[in-house]
Amino acid sequence: MTGYREQVVGRRWVHSHEEDTGDELVFRPGDHQFPPSRGRTSFELRPDGTYLESSPGPVDVPEESTGSWSLEGDRLILGAEGDRPGHAWEITGVADDRLTVRR
């Protein structure tokens, strides 16, 4: 696949956990109509190489974290700041309305 950067940067991607499969996570754009949920993880990759992540907190209040990101071939690397864990995912599919990654 090509053009990952153009398709994923500058957009808010929200975890659509209902669509996950055994080893793949599904993310949808922030304006997607999701079914009700107690909380969803989301992230936005910024053009300057930083990202903002929001995750459900212990009392259902979103907690935000930041870090840096990079694309290394098919790998999306999110390096979190502080004590929060980062992520390293293999991009398996990108479309205007869907991003899939393998853990």
C-alpha atoms as a PDB file:
ATOM      1  CA  MET A   1       0.000   0.000   0.000  1.00  0.00           C
ATOM      2  CA  THR A   2       1.097   3.558  -0.595  1.00  0.00           C
ATOM      3  CA  GLY A   3      -0.015   6.959   0.556  1.00  0.00           C
ATOM      4  CA  TYR A   4      -0.486   6.128   4.232  1.00  0.00           C
ATOM      5  CA  ARG A   5       0.698   9.522   5.369  1.00  0.00           C
ATOM      6  CA  GLU A   6      -1.785  11.458   3.248  1.00  0.00           C
ATOM      7  CA  GLN A   7      -4.672   9.244   4.352  1.00  0.00           C
ATOM      8  CA  VAL A   8      -4.007   9.068   8.101  1.00  0.00           C
ATOM      9  CA  VAL A   9      -2.378  12.381   9.111  1.00  0.00           C
ATOM     10  CA  GLY A  10      -4.485  15.269  10.333  1.00  0.00           C
ATOM     11  CA  ARG A  11      -7.521  13.160  11.145  1.00  0.00           C
ATOM     12  CA  ARG A  12      -8.937  11.921  14.414  1.00  0.00           C
ATOM     13  CA  TRP A  13      -9.194   8.108  14.377  1.00  0.00           C
ATOM     14  CA  VAL A  14     -11.532   6.468  16.893  1.00  0.00           C
ATOM     15  CA  HIS A  15     -11.348   2.797  17.930  1.00  0.00           C
ATOM     16  CA  SER A  16     -14.375   0.893  16.659  1.00  0.00           C
ATOM     17  CA  HIS A  17     -13.887  -2.064  18.982  1.00  0.00           C
ATOM     18  CA  GLU A  18     -17.118  -3.710  17.782  1.00  0.00           C
ATOM     19  CA  GLU A  19     -15.403  -4.344  14.431  1.00  0.00           C
ATOM     20  CA  ASP A  20     -12.107  -5.728  15.766  1.00  0.00           C
ATOM     21  CA  THR A  21     -11.057  -9.207  14.746  1.00  0.00           C
ATOM     22  CA  GLY A  22      -8.685 -11.578  16.529  1.00  0.00           C
ATOM     23  CA  ASP A  23      -5.499  -9.708  15.622  1.00  0.00           C
ATOM     24  CA  GLU A  24      -6.721  -6.501  13.964  1.00  0.00           C
ATOM     25  CA  LEU A  25      -7.970  -3.240  15.446  1.00  0.00           C
ATOM     26  CA  VAL A  26     -10.411  -1.079  13.493  1.00  0.00           C
ATOM     27  CA  PHE A  27     -10.460   2.715  13.662  1.00  0.00           C
ATOM     28  CA  ARG A  28     -13.000   5.052  12.085  1.00  0.00           C
ATOM     29  CA  PRO A  29     -12.894   8.836  11.505  1.00  0.00           C
ATOM     30  CA  GLY A  30     -14.114  10.958  14.402  1.00  0.00           C
ATOM     31  CA  ASP A  31     -17.339  11.897  12.597  1.00  0.00           C
ATOM     32  CA  HIS A  32     -18.387   8.245  12.156  1.00  0.00           C
ATOM     33  CA  GLN A  33     -21.744   7.309  13.728  1.00  0.00           C
ATOM     34  CA  PHE A  34     -20.717   4.864  16.477  1.00  0.00           C
ATOM     35  CA  PRO A  35     -23.091   2.801  18.611  1.00  0.00           C
ATOM     36  CA  PRO A  36     -23.205   3.787  22.300  1.00  0.00           C
ATOM     37  CA  SER A  37     -20.093   2.896  24.290  1.00  0.00           C
ATOM     38  CA  ARG A  38     -18.704   3.664  27.761  1.00  0.00           C
ATOM     39  CA  GLY A  39     -15.635   5.158  26.151  1.00  0.00           C
ATOM     40  CA  ARG A  40     -13.434   4.920  23.094  1.00  0.00           C
ATOM     41  CA  THR A  41      -9.748   5.379  22.501  1.00  0.00           C
ATOM     42  CA  SER A  42      -8.859   7.833  19.750  1.00  0.00           C
ATOM     43  CA  PHE A  43      -5.733   9.407  18.299  1.00  0.00           C
ATOM     44  CA  GLU A  44      -4.793  12.183  15.923  1.00  0.00           C
ATOM     45  CA  LEU A  45      -1.515  12.142  14.001  1.00  0.00           C
ATOM     46  CA  ARG A  46      -0.308  15.702  13.517  1.00  0.00           C
ATOM     47  CA  PRO A  47       1.794  16.802  10.525  1.00  0.00           C
ATOM     48  CA  ASP A  48       4.626  17.935  12.837  1.00  0.00           C
ATOM     49  CA  GLY A  49       5.295  14.343  13.993  1.00  0.00           C
ATOM     50  CA  THR A  50       3.375  14.554  17.271  1.00  0.00           C
ATOM     51  CA  TYR A  51       0.138  12.859  18.202  1.00  0.00           C
ATOM     52  CA  LEU A  52      -2.652  13.290  20.713  1.00  0.00           C
ATOM     53  CA  GLU A  53      -4.349  10.214  22.177  1.00  0.00           C
ATOM     54  CA  SER A  54      -7.510  10.132  24.262  1.00  0.00           C
ATOM     55  CA  SER A  55      -8.473   7.058  26.294  1.00  0.00           C
ATOM     56  CA  PRO A  56     -11.269   6.310  28.771  1.00  0.00           C
ATOM     57  CA  GLY A  57     -10.162   7.154  32.298  1.00  0.00           C
ATOM     58  CA  PRO A  58     -10.997   5.381  35.549  1.00  0.00           C
ATOM     59  CA  VAL A  59     -14.190   7.426  36.132  1.00  0.00           C
ATOM     60  CA  ASP A  60     -15.332   7.531  32.477  1.00  0.00           C
ATOM     61  CA  VAL A  61     -13.606  10.869  31.895  1.00  0.00           C
ATOM     62  CA  PRO A  62     -11.244  10.838  28.882  1.00  0.00           C
ATOM     63  CA  GLU A  63      -7.540  11.142  29.653  1.00  0.00           C
ATOM     64  CA  GLU A  64      -5.238  12.656  27.047  1.00  0.00           C
ATOM     65  CA  SER A  65      -1.620  11.865  26.329  1.00  0.00           C
ATOM     66  CA  THR A  66       0.858  13.030  23.732  1.00  0.00           C
ATOM     67  CA  GLY A  67       3.929  11.703  22.018  1.00  0.00           C
ATOM     68  CA  SER A  68       5.655  11.399  18.683  1.00  0.00           C
ATOM     69  CA  TRP A  69       4.789   9.174  15.757  1.00  0.00           C
ATOM     70  CA  SER A  70       6.518   7.788  12.674  1.00  0.00           C
ATOM     71  CA  LEU A  71       5.757   5.564   9.719  1.00  0.00           C
ATOM     72  CA  GLU A  72       8.347   2.897   8.968  1.00  0.00           C
ATOM     73  CA  GLY A  73       7.092   1.096   5.892  1.00  0.00           C
ATOM     74  CA  ASP A  74       3.818  -0.536   6.982  1.00  0.00           C
ATOM     75  CA  ARG A  75       4.536   0.121  10.692  1.00  0.00           C
ATOM     76  CA  LEU A  76       2.894   2.978  12.563  1.00  0.00           C
ATOM     77  CA  ILE A  77       4.961   3.739  15.666  1.00  0.00           C
ATOM     78  CA  LEU A  78       3.406   5.846  18.438  1.00  0.00           C
ATOM     79  CA  GLY A  79       5.947   6.785  21.109  1.00  0.00           C
ATOM     80  CA  ALA A  80       4.119   8.054  24.187  1.00  0.00           C
ATOM     81  CA  GLU A  81       5.557  10.619  26.557  1.00  0.00           C
ATOM     82  CA  GLY A  82       5.704  10.001  30.297  1.00  0.00           C
ATOM     83  CA  ASP A  83       4.623   6.687  31.790  1.00  0.00           C
ATOM     84  CA  ARG A  84       1.934   5.814  29.226  1.00  0.00           C
ATOM     85  CA  PRO A  85       2.647   2.921  26.866  1.00  0.00           C
ATOM     86  CA  GLY A  86       3.177   3.559  23.169  1.00  0.00           C
ATOM     87  CA  HIS A  87       2.016   1.430  20.269  1.00  0.00           C
ATOM     88  CA  ALA A  88       3.595  -0.252  17.262  1.00  0.00           C
ATOM     89  CA  TRP A  89       1.069  -1.446  14.704  1.00  0.00           C
ATOM     90  CA  GLU A  90       1.241  -2.852  11.194  1.00  0.00           C
ATOM     91  CA  ILE A  91      -1.164  -0.972   8.931  1.00  0.00           C
ATOM     92  CA  THR A  92      -3.250  -3.558   7.095  1.00  0.00           C
ATOM     93  CA  GLY A  93      -5.793  -1.285   5.421  1.00  0.00           C
ATOM     94  CA  VAL A  94      -6.545   2.389   4.868  1.00  0.00           C
ATOM     95  CA  ALA A  95      -9.632   3.964   3.310  1.00  0.00           C
ATOM     96  CA  ASP A  96     -11.377   7.298   3.799  1.00  0.00           C
ATOM     97  CA  ASP A  97     -13.692   5.752   6.377  1.00  0.00           C
ATOM     98  CA  ARG A  98     -11.565   2.983   7.937  1.00  0.00           C
ATOM     99  CA  LEU A  99      -8.070   2.278   9.256  1.00  0.00           C
ATOM    100  CA  THR A 100      -7.108  -1.260  10.234  1.00  0.00           C
ATOM    101  CA  VAL A 101      -3.935  -2.212  12.076  1.00  0.00           C
ATOM    102  CA  ARG A 102      -2.450  -5.465  13.329  1.00  0.00           C
ATOM    103  CA  ARG A 103      -1.127  -5.580  16.873  1.00  0.00           C
END
